[in-house]
């Protein structure tokens, strides 16, 4: 995973922090999916269009 969204920058040991990044992002995306904010299509997540023009 190239982006370090959770930890902010690459850290050592790489394998541990790469696992942590992926686990946190997966959990976050699953939460957004349960709330109906994103959907999974062909292996990619997409923002669910609400029609209101604003995100909650």
PDB file of N, CA and C in Angstrom:
ATOM      1  N   UNK A   1       0.854  -1.161   0.000  1.00  0.00           N
ATOM      2  CA  UNK A   1       0.000   0.000   0.000  1.00  0.00           C
ATOM      3  C   UNK A   1       0.907   1.234   0.000  1.00  0.00           C
ATOM      4  N   UNK A   2       0.772   2.066  -1.008  1.00  0.00           N
ATOM      5  CA  UNK A   2       1.655   3.216  -1.173  1.00  0.00           C
ATOM      6  C   UNK A   2       1.314   4.356  -0.222  1.00  0.00           C
ATOM      7  N   UNK A   3       0.048   4.640  -0.019  1.00  0.00           N
ATOM      8  CA  UNK A   3      -0.357   5.753   0.845  1.00  0.00           C
ATOM      9  C   UNK A   3      -0.370   5.314   2.302  1.00  0.00           C
ATOM     10  N   UNK A   4       0.130   6.169   3.166  1.00  0.00           N
ATOM     11  CA  UNK A   4       0.129   5.886   4.610  1.00  0.00           C
ATOM     12  C   UNK A   4      -0.940   6.753   5.258  1.00  0.00           C
ATOM     13  N   UNK A   5      -2.181   6.430   5.015  1.00  0.00           N
ATOM     14  CA  UNK A   5      -3.299   7.246   5.466  1.00  0.00           C
ATOM     15  C   UNK A   5      -3.446   7.189   6.991  1.00  0.00           C
ATOM     16  N   UNK A   6      -3.295   6.033   7.581  1.00  0.00           N
ATOM     17  CA  UNK A   6      -3.470   5.869   9.023  1.00  0.00           C
ATOM     18  C   UNK A   6      -2.263   6.386   9.792  1.00  0.00           C
ATOM     19  N   UNK A   7      -1.064   5.964   9.410  1.00  0.00           N
ATOM     20  CA  UNK A   7       0.142   6.284  10.171  1.00  0.00           C
ATOM     21  C   UNK A   7       0.861   7.534   9.676  1.00  0.00           C
ATOM     22  N   UNK A   8       0.458   8.091   8.529  1.00  0.00           N
ATOM     23  CA  UNK A   8       1.002   9.349   8.052  1.00  0.00           C
ATOM     24  C   UNK A   8       2.279   9.277   7.244  1.00  0.00           C
ATOM     25  N   UNK A   9       3.122   8.304   7.494  1.00  0.00           N
ATOM     26  CA  UNK A   9       4.364   8.144   6.732  1.00  0.00           C
ATOM     27  C   UNK A   9       4.818   6.697   6.860  1.00  0.00           C
ATOM     28  N   UNK A  10       5.664   6.238   5.956  1.00  0.00           N
ATOM     29  CA  UNK A  10       6.166   4.856   6.061  1.00  0.00           C
ATOM     30  C   UNK A  10       6.935   4.651   7.361  1.00  0.00           C
ATOM     31  N   UNK A  11       6.712   3.514   7.993  1.00  0.00           N
ATOM     32  CA  UNK A  11       7.381   3.200   9.264  1.00  0.00           C
ATOM     33  C   UNK A  11       7.928   1.781   9.214  1.00  0.00           C
ATOM     34  N   UNK A  12       8.767   1.456  10.165  1.00  0.00           N
ATOM     35  CA  UNK A  12       9.364   0.127  10.277  1.00  0.00           C
ATOM     36  C   UNK A  12       8.777  -0.592  11.477  1.00  0.00           C
ATOM     37  N   UNK A  13       8.606  -1.895  11.445  1.00  0.00           N
ATOM     38  CA  UNK A  13       8.816  -2.792  10.308  1.00  0.00           C
ATOM     39  C   UNK A  13       7.694  -2.648   9.275  1.00  0.00           C
ATOM     40  N   UNK A  14       8.079  -2.577   8.029  1.00  0.00           N
ATOM     41  CA  UNK A  14       7.137  -2.312   6.942  1.00  0.00           C
ATOM     42  C   UNK A  14       5.979  -3.296   6.915  1.00  0.00           C
ATOM     43  N   UNK A  15       6.259  -4.573   7.078  1.00  0.00           N
ATOM     44  CA  UNK A  15       5.203  -5.598   7.001  1.00  0.00           C
ATOM     45  C   UNK A  15       4.129  -5.356   8.065  1.00  0.00           C
ATOM     46  N   UNK A  16       4.537  -4.988   9.266  1.00  0.00           N
ATOM     47  CA  UNK A  16       3.592  -4.746  10.355  1.00  0.00           C
ATOM     48  C   UNK A  16       2.709  -3.546  10.052  1.00  0.00           C
ATOM     49  N   UNK A  17       3.309  -2.434   9.650  1.00  0.00           N
ATOM     50  CA  UNK A  17       2.543  -1.222   9.407  1.00  0.00           C
ATOM     51  C   UNK A  17       1.720  -1.309   8.126  1.00  0.00           C
ATOM     52  N   UNK A  18       2.208  -2.023   7.121  1.00  0.00           N
ATOM     53  CA  UNK A  18       1.414  -2.227   5.900  1.00  0.00           C
ATOM     54  C   UNK A  18       0.160  -3.034   6.238  1.00  0.00           C
ATOM     55  N   UNK A  19       0.323  -4.057   7.093  1.00  0.00           N
ATOM     56  CA  UNK A  19      -0.834  -4.852   7.530  1.00  0.00           C
ATOM     57  C   UNK A  19      -1.825  -3.964   8.287  1.00  0.00           C
ATOM     58  N   UNK A  20      -1.317  -3.115   9.194  1.00  0.00           N
ATOM     59  CA  UNK A  20      -2.172  -2.230   9.969  1.00  0.00           C
ATOM     60  C   UNK A  20      -2.942  -1.259   9.087  1.00  0.00           C
ATOM     61  N   UNK A  21      -2.263  -0.680   8.098  1.00  0.00           N
ATOM     62  CA  UNK A  21      -2.923   0.233   7.156  1.00  0.00           C
ATOM     63  C   UNK A  21      -4.066  -0.484   6.434  1.00  0.00           C
ATOM     64  N   UNK A  22      -3.759  -1.665   5.891  1.00  0.00           N
ATOM     65  CA  UNK A  22      -4.771  -2.400   5.125  1.00  0.00           C
ATOM     66  C   UNK A  22      -5.945  -2.806   6.021  1.00  0.00           C
ATOM     67  N   UNK A  23      -5.660  -3.272   7.226  1.00  0.00           N
ATOM     68  CA  UNK A  23      -6.725  -3.711   8.136  1.00  0.00           C
ATOM     69  C   UNK A  23      -7.638  -2.547   8.519  1.00  0.00           C
ATOM     70  N   UNK A  24      -7.056  -1.395   8.855  1.00  0.00           N
ATOM     71  CA  UNK A  24      -7.859  -0.234   9.228  1.00  0.00           C
ATOM     72  C   UNK A  24      -8.699   0.271   8.059  1.00  0.00           C
ATOM     73  N   UNK A  25      -8.105   0.351   6.885  1.00  0.00           N
ATOM     74  CA  UNK A  25      -8.840   0.858   5.726  1.00  0.00           C
ATOM     75  C   UNK A  25      -9.957  -0.110   5.329  1.00  0.00           C
ATOM     76  N   UNK A  26      -9.700  -1.412   5.409  1.00  0.00           N
ATOM     77  CA  UNK A  26     -10.727  -2.405   5.096  1.00  0.00           C
ATOM     78  C   UNK A  26     -11.895  -2.278   6.061  1.00  0.00           C
ATOM     79  N   UNK A  27     -11.581  -2.152   7.342  1.00  0.00           N
ATOM     80  CA  UNK A  27     -12.626  -2.015   8.355  1.00  0.00           C
ATOM     81  C   UNK A  27     -13.436  -0.734   8.135  1.00  0.00           C
ATOM     82  N   UNK A  28     -12.770   0.350   7.800  1.00  0.00           N
ATOM     83  CA  UNK A  28     -13.446   1.622   7.545  1.00  0.00           C
ATOM     84  C   UNK A  28     -14.368   1.509   6.324  1.00  0.00           C
ATOM     85  N   UNK A  29     -13.866   0.914   5.242  1.00  0.00           N
ATOM     86  CA  UNK A  29     -14.687   0.760   4.043  1.00  0.00           C
ATOM     87  C   UNK A  29     -15.881  -0.156   4.293  1.00  0.00           C
ATOM     88  N   UNK A  30     -15.700  -1.218   5.068  1.00  0.00           N
ATOM     89  CA  UNK A  30     -16.821  -2.096   5.409  1.00  0.00           C
ATOM     90  C   UNK A  30     -17.879  -1.336   6.208  1.00  0.00           C
ATOM     91  N   UNK A  31     -17.433  -0.467   7.113  1.00  0.00           N
ATOM     92  CA  UNK A  31     -18.365   0.347   7.902  1.00  0.00           C
ATOM     93  C   UNK A  31     -19.154   1.291   6.986  1.00  0.00           C
ATOM     94  N   UNK A  32     -18.456   1.958   6.067  1.00  0.00           N
ATOM     95  CA  UNK A  32     -19.131   2.854   5.127  1.00  0.00           C
ATOM     96  C   UNK A  32     -20.102   2.090   4.230  1.00  0.00           C
ATOM     97  N   UNK A  33     -19.737   0.875   3.870  1.00  0.00           N
ATOM     98  CA  UNK A  33     -20.611   0.043   3.036  1.00  0.00           C
ATOM     99  C   UNK A  33     -21.888  -0.323   3.804  1.00  0.00           C
ATOM    100  N   UNK A  34     -21.758  -0.678   5.076  1.00  0.00           N
ATOM    101  CA  UNK A  34     -22.926  -1.009   5.902  1.00  0.00           C
ATOM    102  C   UNK A  34     -23.846   0.192   6.062  1.00  0.00           C
ATOM    103  N   UNK A  35     -23.278   1.393   6.110  1.00  0.00           N
ATOM    104  CA  UNK A  35     -24.073   2.616   6.240  1.00  0.00           C
ATOM    105  C   UNK A  35     -24.655   3.082   4.901  1.00  0.00           C
ATOM    106  N   UNK A  36     -24.318   2.386   3.810  1.00  0.00           N
ATOM    107  CA  UNK A  36     -24.848   2.731   2.499  1.00  0.00           C
ATOM    108  C   UNK A  36     -24.154   3.918   1.852  1.00  0.00           C
ATOM    109  N   UNK A  37     -22.963   4.259   2.328  1.00  0.00           N
ATOM    110  CA  UNK A  37     -22.248   5.409   1.786  1.00  0.00           C
ATOM    111  C   UNK A  37     -21.346   5.045   0.616  1.00  0.00           C
ATOM    112  N   UNK A  38     -20.903   3.785   0.541  1.00  0.00           N
ATOM    113  CA  UNK A  38     -20.093   3.304  -0.575  1.00  0.00           C
ATOM    114  C   UNK A  38     -20.611   1.945  -0.995  1.00  0.00           C
ATOM    115  N   UNK A  39     -20.244   1.545  -2.215  1.00  0.00           N
ATOM    116  CA  UNK A  39     -20.568   0.197  -2.670  1.00  0.00           C
ATOM    117  C   UNK A  39     -19.369  -0.367  -3.412  1.00  0.00           C
ATOM    118  N   UNK A  40     -19.270  -1.680  -3.434  1.00  0.00           N
ATOM    119  CA  UNK A  40     -18.168  -2.383  -4.066  1.00  0.00           C
ATOM    120  C   UNK A  40     -18.616  -2.897  -5.421  1.00  0.00           C
ATOM    121  N   UNK A  41     -17.853  -2.584  -6.460  1.00  0.00           N
ATOM    122  CA  UNK A  41     -18.159  -3.031  -7.812  1.00  0.00           C
ATOM    123  C   UNK A  41     -16.861  -3.382  -8.524  1.00  0.00           C
ATOM    124  N   UNK A  42     -16.754  -4.622  -8.974  1.00  0.00           N
ATOM    125  CA  UNK A  42     -15.563  -5.101  -9.685  1.00  0.00           C
ATOM    126  C   UNK A  42     -14.274  -4.844  -8.899  1.00  0.00           C
ATOM    127  N   UNK A  43     -14.327  -5.046  -7.594  1.00  0.00           N
ATOM    128  CA  UNK A  43     -13.139  -4.906  -6.759  1.00  0.00           C
ATOM    129  C   UNK A  43     -12.788  -3.477  -6.373  1.00  0.00           C
ATOM    130  N   UNK A  44     -13.613  -2.500  -6.747  1.00  0.00           N
ATOM    131  CA  UNK A  44     -13.356  -1.102  -6.410  1.00  0.00           C
ATOM    132  C   UNK A  44     -14.524  -0.535  -5.609  1.00  0.00           C
ATOM    133  N   UNK A  45     -14.202   0.324  -4.646  1.00  0.00           N
ATOM    134  CA  UNK A  45     -15.238   0.988  -3.864  1.00  0.00           C
ATOM    135  C   UNK A  45     -15.612   2.295  -4.540  1.00  0.00           C
ATOM    136  N   UNK A  46     -16.896   2.607  -4.519  1.00  0.00           N
ATOM    137  CA  UNK A  46     -17.415   3.833  -5.115  1.00  0.00           C
ATOM    138  C   UNK A  46     -18.328   4.510  -4.116  1.00  0.00           C
ATOM    139  N   UNK A  47     -18.327   5.852  -4.130  1.00  0.00           N
ATOM    140  CA  UNK A  47     -19.221   6.602  -3.258  1.00  0.00           C
ATOM    141  C   UNK A  47     -20.645   6.459  -3.767  1.00  0.00           C
ATOM    142  N   UNK A  48     -21.552   6.196  -2.863  1.00  0.00           N
ATOM    143  CA  UNK A  48     -22.969   6.059  -3.195  1.00  0.00           C
ATOM    144  C   UNK A  48     -23.535   7.445  -3.434  1.00  0.00           C
ATOM    145  N   UNK A  49     -24.166   7.671  -4.553  1.00  0.00           N
ATOM    146  CA  UNK A  49     -24.802   8.946  -4.831  1.00  0.00           C
ATOM    147  C   UNK A  49     -26.104   9.040  -4.040  1.00  0.00           C
ATOM    148  N   UNK A  50     -26.246  10.127  -3.291  1.00  0.00           N
ATOM    149  CA  UNK A  50     -27.412  10.293  -2.447  1.00  0.00           C
ATOM    150  C   UNK A  50     -28.477  11.180  -3.092  1.00  0.00           C
ATOM    151  N   UNK A  51     -28.065  11.990  -4.053  1.00  0.00           N
ATOM    152  CA  UNK A  51     -29.003  12.878  -4.707  1.00  0.00           C
ATOM    153  C   UNK A  51     -29.166  14.206  -4.019  1.00  0.00           C
ATOM    154  N   UNK A  52     -28.656  14.342  -2.790  1.00  0.00           N
ATOM    155  CA  UNK A  52     -28.827  15.588  -2.055  1.00  0.00           C
ATOM    156  C   UNK A  52     -27.727  16.607  -2.385  1.00  0.00           C
ATOM    157  N   UNK A  53     -26.629  16.129  -2.978  1.00  0.00           N
ATOM    158  CA  UNK A  53     -25.536  17.031  -3.320  1.00  0.00           C
ATOM    159  C   UNK A  53     -24.563  17.290  -2.191  1.00  0.00           C
ATOM    160  N   UNK A  54     -24.859  16.812  -1.007  1.00  0.00           N
ATOM    161  CA  UNK A  54     -23.959  17.021   0.138  1.00  0.00           C
ATOM    162  C   UNK A  54     -23.734  15.691   0.839  1.00  0.00           C
ATOM    163  N   UNK A  55     -22.549  15.568   1.399  1.00  0.00           N
ATOM    164  CA  UNK A  55     -22.240  14.348   2.156  1.00  0.00           C
ATOM    165  C   UNK A  55     -22.566  14.593   3.613  1.00  0.00           C
ATOM    166  N   UNK A  56     -23.103  13.569   4.266  1.00  0.00           N
ATOM    167  CA  UNK A  56     -23.460  13.677   5.688  1.00  0.00           C
ATOM    168  C   UNK A  56     -22.274  13.430   6.563  1.00  0.00           C
TER     169      UNK A  56
END
